[in-house]
Amino acid sequence: MPFIIAEPCIGVKDKSCVEVCPVNCIYEGDDQFYIHPDECIDCQACEAACPVQAIFPDNGVPEKWQPFIDKNRTHFENK
């Protein structure tokens, strides 16, 4: 999973990340956006575009937002 979208996205869903993604791998969920782990090409465009700094490399997610790694994985498990 190259990138994770964490709590700062909840309630904001700005869509700047969606607009810059060259492979359209960012999907809208009920409360936030999610980056598809198999479709992401690790270009980092979304991370730079996020106005609320909610996007992190999977190995750089702050400890307080670690549960978002599983939340992202779960979002795509049955899709």
Protein backbone atom coordinates (compact mmCIF):
# COMPACT_ATOMS: atom_id res chain seq x y z
CA MET A 1 0.00 0.00 0.00
CA PRO A 2 1.98 3.05 -1.16
CA PHE A 3 -0.16 5.80 0.40
CA ILE A 4 -2.81 6.10 3.11
CA ILE A 5 -5.36 8.87 3.55
CA ALA A 6 -5.87 9.60 7.25
CA GLU A 7 -8.21 11.50 9.57
CA PRO A 8 -7.67 15.07 8.30
CA CYS A 9 -9.61 14.08 5.14
CA ILE A 10 -12.74 13.17 7.08
CA GLY A 11 -15.38 15.82 6.62
CA VAL A 12 -13.24 17.74 4.12
CA LYS A 13 -12.95 15.56 1.00
CA ASP A 14 -11.41 18.42 -1.01
CA LYS A 15 -10.81 16.32 -4.17
CA SER A 16 -7.48 18.01 -4.99
CA CYS A 17 -5.84 14.59 -4.72
CA VAL A 18 -8.36 13.05 -7.12
CA GLU A 19 -7.77 15.78 -9.69
CA VAL A 20 -3.98 15.24 -9.83
CA CYS A 21 -3.91 11.44 -9.75
CA PRO A 22 -2.65 10.25 -13.16
CA VAL A 23 -4.10 6.75 -12.78
CA ASN A 24 -7.43 7.54 -11.09
CA CYS A 25 -6.76 5.28 -8.12
CA ILE A 26 -8.39 7.48 -5.46
CA TYR A 27 -11.95 6.52 -4.60
CA GLU A 28 -14.58 8.30 -2.57
CA GLY A 29 -15.94 6.55 0.51
CA ASP A 30 -18.71 7.61 2.85
CA ASP A 31 -16.53 9.78 5.05
CA GLN A 32 -13.19 10.11 3.22
CA PHE A 33 -11.20 9.20 0.11
CA TYR A 34 -9.18 5.98 -0.24
CA ILE A 35 -6.17 5.13 -2.40
CA HIS A 36 -6.38 1.74 -4.09
CA PRO A 37 -3.23 -0.17 -3.07
CA ASP A 38 -2.92 -2.14 -6.32
CA GLU A 39 -3.62 0.74 -8.69
CA CYS A 40 -1.40 3.42 -7.11
CA ILE A 41 1.86 3.99 -9.00
CA ASP A 42 3.53 5.80 -6.08
CA CYS A 43 3.92 9.09 -7.98
CA GLN A 44 3.33 11.20 -4.84
CA ALA A 45 1.17 13.75 -6.71
CA CYS A 46 -1.72 13.25 -4.29
CA GLU A 47 0.44 13.79 -1.23
CA ALA A 48 1.64 17.17 -2.51
CA ALA A 49 -1.86 18.26 -3.58
CA CYS A 50 -3.67 17.52 -0.32
CA PRO A 51 -4.58 20.85 1.35
CA VAL A 52 -5.10 19.25 4.77
CA GLN A 53 -1.98 17.04 4.74
CA ALA A 54 -3.98 13.85 5.15
CA ILE A 55 -1.94 11.64 2.78
CA PHE A 56 1.07 9.70 4.02
CA PRO A 57 3.37 7.00 2.69
CA ASP A 58 2.25 3.73 4.27
CA ASN A 59 5.45 3.57 6.31
CA GLY A 60 5.12 7.19 7.44
CA VAL A 61 1.60 7.31 8.87
CA PRO A 62 1.72 9.07 12.26
CA GLU A 63 1.10 6.73 15.17
CA LYS A 64 -2.22 8.38 16.08
CA TRP A 65 -3.55 7.55 12.59
CA GLN A 66 -2.19 4.00 12.25
CA PRO A 67 -5.75 2.55 12.30
CA PHE A 68 -6.31 4.20 8.92
CA ILE A 69 -3.95 1.66 7.34
CA ASP A 70 -6.40 -1.13 8.20
CA LYS A 71 -9.36 1.09 7.33
CA ASN A 72 -7.93 1.58 3.83
CA ARG A 73 -7.23 -2.14 3.43
CA THR A 74 -10.74 -3.04 4.61
CA HIS A 75 -12.34 -0.55 2.22
CA PHE A 76 -10.93 -2.43 -0.77
CA GLU A 77 -11.20 -6.03 0.49
CA ASN A 78 -14.61 -6.72 -0.98
CA LYS A 79 -14.36 -4.63 -4.11
